[in-house]
Amino acid sequence: MFAVADGGDQRMKEQLKAAVLQALPKLNEMLLEERGQETGPLGDDPQEQWDLFRALVNTRPAESASEEFLALQDEMLQALLAYRGVTDVRDIEPATGSDMRLWRGDITTLAADAVVNAANSQMLGCFVPGHHCIDNAIHTFAGVQLRLECARLMAEQGYPEPTGMAKATDAFDLPARHVIHTVGPIAEGIVTQADRALLANCYTSCLDAAADLGCESVAFCCISTGVFGFPQREAAEIAVATVRDWLTRNGRDITVVFDVFGDADEALYCRLLAA
């Protein structure tokens, strides 16, 4: 939970860390009581406290929470965000040979007008406790309000979110202003022409949504390349080509950031953006 902390004002970091560790046991007690479960002693290990909190919010239904819980949750998540550090998209240099930008890091710490979430068709976030997908991370660090807003949008729509479309919500406790949710195609390693078209639609729909919101910056995750199984190289080629075409056709001055995690994706996007 605190592994990324380095540099900066160490006294401030210790204060932020203390605020997080003070809030976590109370939040876990409230979440367990909400389920009608006995709390008992929860232990003092910070990582265990965080893992329990994340599991409880990951599996929590899309329901309203008390004002007391929301205030404490928001305070804790903001302290944790300050400890982890925030990167402003305006501080990311354009990639060599491109106006677009490449950044390697955690999208939940990126300050942009909008960040893109690779969602599922239910649009309610990942319910697998502690799962390391972008959908899980965004819902965890945005707070329980995000699932409730997504549920409201889906109730109004009345049917699962189609692949290739996009919906925007508030970002709540993330440093971004909005989250744009899109459902990518499930390729499972075998890509059809329909899959390629749907993935391109994801990027187009997200940019359309960002433009409608008046966003000046949008950060993309690598849509469909995780558990959805779209090959990374081909997905990156589609992403860069589609975004480049959209920017040219629309003449919009939107700062686009491609966010990656690993060495292979970073090298791949470097080559594509320079081409």
Protein backbone atom coordinates (compact mmCIF):
# COMPACT_ATOMS: atom_id res chain seq x y z
CA MET A 1 0.00 0.00 0.00
CA PHE A 2 2.85 2.40 0.83
CA ALA A 3 5.44 0.87 -1.47
CA VAL A 4 5.52 3.82 -3.88
CA ALA A 5 6.45 6.38 -1.23
CA ASP A 6 9.89 7.86 -1.79
CA GLY A 7 11.46 11.28 -1.67
CA GLY A 8 9.56 14.43 -0.77
CA ASP A 9 8.88 15.76 2.69
CA GLN A 10 9.29 12.72 4.94
CA ARG A 11 7.61 14.37 7.89
CA MET A 12 4.54 15.09 5.75
CA LYS A 13 4.59 11.53 4.42
CA GLU A 14 4.59 10.13 7.94
CA GLN A 15 1.64 12.34 8.85
CA LEU A 16 -0.28 11.17 5.78
CA LYS A 17 0.57 7.55 6.52
CA ALA A 18 -0.63 7.94 10.10
CA ALA A 19 -3.92 9.45 8.89
CA VAL A 20 -4.52 6.46 6.60
CA LEU A 21 -3.67 3.91 9.28
CA GLN A 22 -5.90 5.63 11.80
CA ALA A 23 -8.90 5.63 9.46
CA LEU A 24 -8.65 2.07 8.10
CA PRO A 25 -9.77 0.12 11.22
CA LYS A 26 -12.81 2.34 11.68
CA LEU A 27 -13.75 2.05 8.01
CA ASN A 28 -13.43 -1.73 8.15
CA GLU A 29 -15.56 -1.87 11.28
CA MET A 30 -18.25 0.19 9.57
CA LEU A 31 -18.16 -1.97 6.44
CA LEU A 32 -18.43 -5.17 8.47
CA GLU A 33 -21.22 -3.78 10.64
CA GLU A 34 -23.05 -2.76 7.47
CA ARG A 35 -23.07 -6.46 6.52
CA GLY A 36 -24.23 -7.49 9.97
CA GLN A 37 -20.92 -9.22 10.69
CA GLU A 38 -19.08 -9.29 13.99
CA THR A 39 -16.00 -7.11 13.83
CA GLY A 40 -13.85 -8.44 16.65
CA PRO A 41 -10.15 -7.58 16.75
CA LEU A 42 -8.99 -6.66 13.25
CA GLY A 43 -5.26 -6.77 13.92
CA ASP A 44 -2.63 -4.08 13.59
CA ASP A 45 -0.92 -5.03 10.33
CA PRO A 46 -1.38 -2.11 7.89
CA GLN A 47 -1.32 -4.29 4.77
CA GLU A 48 -3.92 -6.65 6.23
CA GLN A 49 -6.11 -3.67 7.12
CA TRP A 50 -5.80 -2.31 3.58
CA ASP A 51 -6.42 -5.70 1.97
CA LEU A 52 -9.56 -6.11 4.08
CA PHE A 53 -10.79 -2.62 3.19
CA ARG A 54 -10.21 -3.21 -0.50
CA ALA A 55 -11.95 -6.60 -0.41
CA LEU A 56 -14.95 -5.15 1.42
CA VAL A 57 -15.42 -2.22 -0.95
CA ASN A 58 -14.77 -4.41 -4.01
CA THR A 59 -17.62 -6.73 -3.01
CA ARG A 60 -19.95 -4.06 -1.61
CA PRO A 61 -23.25 -3.70 -3.53
CA ALA A 62 -24.08 -0.41 -5.24
CA GLU A 63 -25.80 1.11 -2.21
CA SER A 64 -25.75 4.45 -0.46
CA ALA A 65 -23.34 4.83 2.45
CA SER A 66 -23.66 6.93 5.57
CA GLU A 67 -22.32 10.48 5.60
CA GLU A 68 -19.95 9.44 8.39
CA PHE A 69 -18.51 6.62 6.30
CA LEU A 70 -18.15 8.75 3.16
CA ALA A 71 -16.42 11.57 5.03
CA LEU A 72 -13.92 9.18 6.61
CA GLN A 73 -13.41 7.22 3.38
CA ASP A 74 -12.79 10.40 1.37
CA GLU A 75 -10.36 11.71 3.98
CA MET A 76 -8.45 8.44 3.99
CA LEU A 77 -8.30 8.09 0.20
CA GLN A 78 -7.16 11.68 -0.21
CA ALA A 79 -4.41 11.17 2.37
CA LEU A 80 -3.33 7.97 0.64
CA LEU A 81 -3.30 9.73 -2.73
CA ALA A 82 -1.17 12.56 -1.34
CA TYR A 83 1.23 9.98 0.09
CA ARG A 84 1.47 8.07 -3.20
CA GLY A 85 1.91 11.28 -5.20
CA VAL A 86 0.04 12.78 -8.14
CA THR A 87 1.33 13.31 -11.68
CA ASP A 88 -0.21 16.12 -13.73
CA VAL A 89 -0.58 15.30 -17.43
CA ARG A 90 0.74 18.78 -18.23
CA ASP A 91 4.09 17.72 -16.78
CA ILE A 92 4.41 14.73 -19.12
CA GLU A 93 6.49 15.56 -22.18
CA PRO A 94 5.16 14.63 -25.63
CA ALA A 95 6.57 11.39 -26.99
CA THR A 96 9.42 11.66 -29.47
CA GLY A 97 8.00 12.47 -32.91
CA SER A 98 4.43 12.93 -31.63
CA ASP A 99 2.07 15.39 -29.99
CA MET A 100 0.66 12.53 -27.93
CA ARG A 101 2.22 11.51 -24.64
CA LEU A 102 3.34 8.26 -23.06
CA TRP A 103 3.43 7.69 -19.32
CA ARG A 104 4.29 4.62 -17.29
CA GLY A 105 2.54 4.54 -13.97
CA ASP A 106 -0.66 4.09 -11.99
CA ILE A 107 -3.59 5.78 -13.73
CA THR A 108 -5.31 6.29 -10.36
CA THR A 109 -2.60 8.85 -9.51
CA LEU A 110 -2.86 10.77 -12.78
CA ALA A 111 -4.39 14.24 -12.76
CA ALA A 112 -6.22 14.62 -16.08
CA ASP A 113 -9.59 15.97 -17.10
CA ALA A 114 -10.58 12.37 -17.80
CA VAL A 115 -9.10 8.92 -17.32
CA VAL A 116 -10.41 5.90 -19.21
CA ASN A 117 -11.56 2.79 -17.39
CA ALA A 118 -11.69 -0.60 -19.11
CA ALA A 119 -15.09 -1.66 -17.76
CA ASN A 120 -17.27 -4.72 -18.11
CA SER A 121 -20.76 -4.69 -19.60
CA GLN A 122 -22.42 -4.32 -16.18
CA MET A 123 -20.42 -1.11 -15.63
CA LEU A 124 -20.30 -1.66 -11.86
CA GLY A 125 -16.61 -2.30 -11.41
CA CYS A 126 -14.77 -5.52 -10.60
CA PHE A 127 -16.26 -7.52 -7.71
CA VAL A 128 -13.23 -9.82 -7.30
CA PRO A 129 -11.54 -8.85 -4.00
CA GLY A 130 -8.18 -7.22 -4.63
CA HIS A 131 -8.11 -8.11 -8.33
CA HIS A 132 -5.28 -6.36 -10.17
CA CYS A 133 -7.34 -5.05 -13.09
CA ILE A 134 -7.76 -1.38 -13.92
CA ASP A 135 -11.50 -1.55 -13.26
CA ASN A 136 -10.88 -2.76 -9.71
CA ALA A 137 -8.22 -0.14 -9.04
CA ILE A 138 -10.27 2.77 -10.33
CA HIS A 139 -13.31 1.81 -8.27
CA THR A 140 -11.18 1.20 -5.16
CA PHE A 141 -9.41 4.55 -5.24
CA ALA A 142 -12.40 6.56 -6.47
CA GLY A 143 -14.51 5.41 -3.52
CA VAL A 144 -17.82 3.59 -3.18
CA GLN A 145 -19.68 6.53 -4.73
CA LEU A 146 -18.45 5.52 -8.18
CA ARG A 147 -20.23 2.16 -8.17
CA LEU A 148 -23.44 3.86 -7.05
CA GLU A 149 -23.26 6.40 -9.88
CA CYS A 150 -22.54 3.67 -12.42
CA ALA A 151 -25.52 1.69 -11.11
CA ARG A 152 -27.74 4.75 -11.53
CA LEU A 153 -26.62 5.19 -15.14
CA MET A 154 -27.18 1.53 -15.91
CA ALA A 155 -30.63 1.54 -14.30
CA GLU A 156 -31.58 4.49 -16.49
CA GLN A 157 -30.25 2.69 -19.56
CA GLY A 158 -31.97 -0.60 -18.75
CA TYR A 159 -29.57 -2.93 -20.55
CA PRO A 160 -25.87 -3.88 -20.41
CA GLU A 161 -23.36 -1.45 -21.86
CA PRO A 162 -22.58 -2.32 -25.50
CA THR A 163 -19.00 -2.99 -26.50
CA GLY A 164 -17.26 -0.01 -28.07
CA MET A 165 -19.37 2.70 -26.44
CA ALA A 166 -18.48 5.03 -23.56
CA LYS A 167 -20.08 6.59 -20.50
CA ALA A 168 -18.68 9.34 -18.28
CA THR A 169 -18.98 9.74 -14.53
CA ASP A 170 -17.47 11.89 -11.83
CA ALA A 171 -14.05 10.66 -10.63
CA PHE A 172 -14.79 11.27 -6.93
CA ASP A 173 -11.55 10.65 -4.95
CA LEU A 174 -9.31 10.22 -7.98
CA PRO A 175 -7.17 13.21 -9.01
CA ALA A 176 -8.93 13.22 -12.40
CA ARG A 177 -12.16 15.14 -12.95
CA HIS A 178 -14.01 12.40 -14.83
CA VAL A 179 -13.84 8.68 -15.50
CA ILE A 180 -14.85 7.57 -18.98
CA HIS A 181 -15.90 3.92 -18.91
CA THR A 182 -15.70 1.78 -22.03
CA VAL A 183 -16.25 -1.93 -22.65
CA GLY A 184 -13.63 -3.42 -24.92
CA PRO A 185 -14.01 -6.55 -27.07
CA ILE A 186 -13.19 -9.92 -25.51
CA ALA A 187 -10.70 -11.38 -27.95
CA GLU A 188 -9.13 -14.19 -25.87
CA GLY A 189 -6.13 -14.19 -28.21
CA ILE A 190 -8.10 -14.71 -31.44
CA VAL A 191 -8.85 -11.37 -33.07
CA THR A 192 -11.55 -10.87 -35.68
CA GLN A 193 -12.15 -7.86 -37.88
CA ALA A 194 -15.21 -7.13 -35.76
CA ASP A 195 -12.98 -7.07 -32.65
CA ARG A 196 -10.65 -4.59 -34.33
CA ALA A 197 -13.53 -2.31 -35.27
CA LEU A 198 -15.00 -2.48 -31.75
CA LEU A 199 -11.67 -1.64 -30.13
CA ALA A 200 -11.27 1.35 -32.43
CA ASN A 201 -14.81 2.40 -31.48
CA CYS A 202 -13.78 2.36 -27.81
CA TYR A 203 -11.12 4.99 -28.44
CA THR A 204 -13.39 7.07 -30.68
CA SER A 205 -16.29 6.93 -28.22
CA CYS A 206 -14.03 7.94 -25.31
CA LEU A 207 -12.65 10.91 -27.24
CA ASP A 208 -16.17 11.94 -28.27
CA ALA A 209 -17.24 11.78 -24.62
CA ALA A 210 -14.19 13.77 -23.53
CA ALA A 211 -14.92 16.43 -26.14
CA ASP A 212 -18.57 16.64 -25.04
CA LEU A 213 -17.37 17.23 -21.47
CA GLY A 214 -15.02 19.98 -22.60
CA CYS A 215 -11.97 18.02 -21.51
CA GLU A 216 -8.54 19.33 -22.41
CA SER A 217 -6.78 16.08 -21.49
CA VAL A 218 -7.63 12.38 -21.46
CA ALA A 219 -5.52 9.43 -20.34
CA PHE A 220 -6.08 5.98 -21.85
CA CYS A 221 -5.33 2.63 -20.27
CA CYS A 222 -4.54 -0.29 -22.60
CA ILE A 223 -8.14 -1.30 -23.35
CA SER A 224 -8.91 -5.02 -23.76
CA THR A 225 -5.29 -6.17 -23.34
CA GLY A 226 -5.72 -7.65 -19.85
CA VAL A 227 -8.13 -10.46 -19.08
CA PHE A 228 -9.99 -9.63 -22.32
CA GLY A 229 -7.05 -11.10 -24.22
CA PHE A 230 -6.49 -8.64 -27.08
CA PRO A 231 -2.84 -9.01 -28.25
CA GLN A 232 -0.86 -6.04 -26.97
CA ARG A 233 0.90 -5.13 -30.20
CA GLU A 234 -2.23 -5.08 -32.32
CA ALA A 235 -4.22 -3.27 -29.62
CA ALA A 236 -1.55 -0.58 -29.40
CA GLU A 237 -1.47 -0.15 -33.18
CA ILE A 238 -5.25 0.32 -33.23
CA ALA A 239 -5.11 2.71 -30.27
CA VAL A 240 -2.47 5.02 -31.73
CA ALA A 241 -3.90 4.99 -35.27
CA THR A 242 -7.47 5.65 -34.06
CA VAL A 243 -6.52 8.48 -31.72
CA ARG A 244 -4.26 10.07 -34.32
CA ASP A 245 -7.06 9.91 -36.90
CA TRP A 246 -9.64 11.35 -34.47
CA LEU A 247 -7.41 14.29 -33.54
CA THR A 248 -6.73 15.04 -37.21
CA ARG A 249 -10.38 14.79 -38.27
CA ASN A 250 -11.76 16.80 -35.38
CA GLY A 251 -9.02 19.39 -35.12
CA ARG A 252 -9.35 19.29 -31.34
CA ASP A 253 -6.56 20.40 -29.03
CA ILE A 254 -6.88 17.57 -26.51
CA THR A 255 -3.81 16.28 -24.70
CA VAL A 256 -3.85 12.49 -25.06
CA VAL A 257 -1.80 10.28 -22.75
CA PHE A 258 -1.29 6.55 -23.22
CA ASP A 259 -0.70 5.00 -19.80
CA VAL A 260 1.28 1.75 -19.66
CA PHE A 261 2.66 -0.46 -16.89
CA GLY A 262 5.30 -2.78 -18.32
CA ASP A 263 8.55 -2.53 -20.30
CA ALA A 264 7.11 -4.22 -23.38
CA ASP A 265 4.12 -1.87 -23.66
CA GLU A 266 6.31 1.18 -23.08
CA ALA A 267 8.72 0.18 -25.83
CA LEU A 268 5.86 -0.68 -28.16
CA TYR A 269 4.13 2.67 -27.75
CA CYS A 270 7.43 4.54 -28.09
CA ARG A 271 7.92 2.98 -31.52
CA LEU A 272 4.34 3.58 -32.65
CA LEU A 273 4.20 7.21 -31.51
CA ALA A 274 7.48 7.99 -33.22
CA ALA A 275 6.37 6.48 -36.55
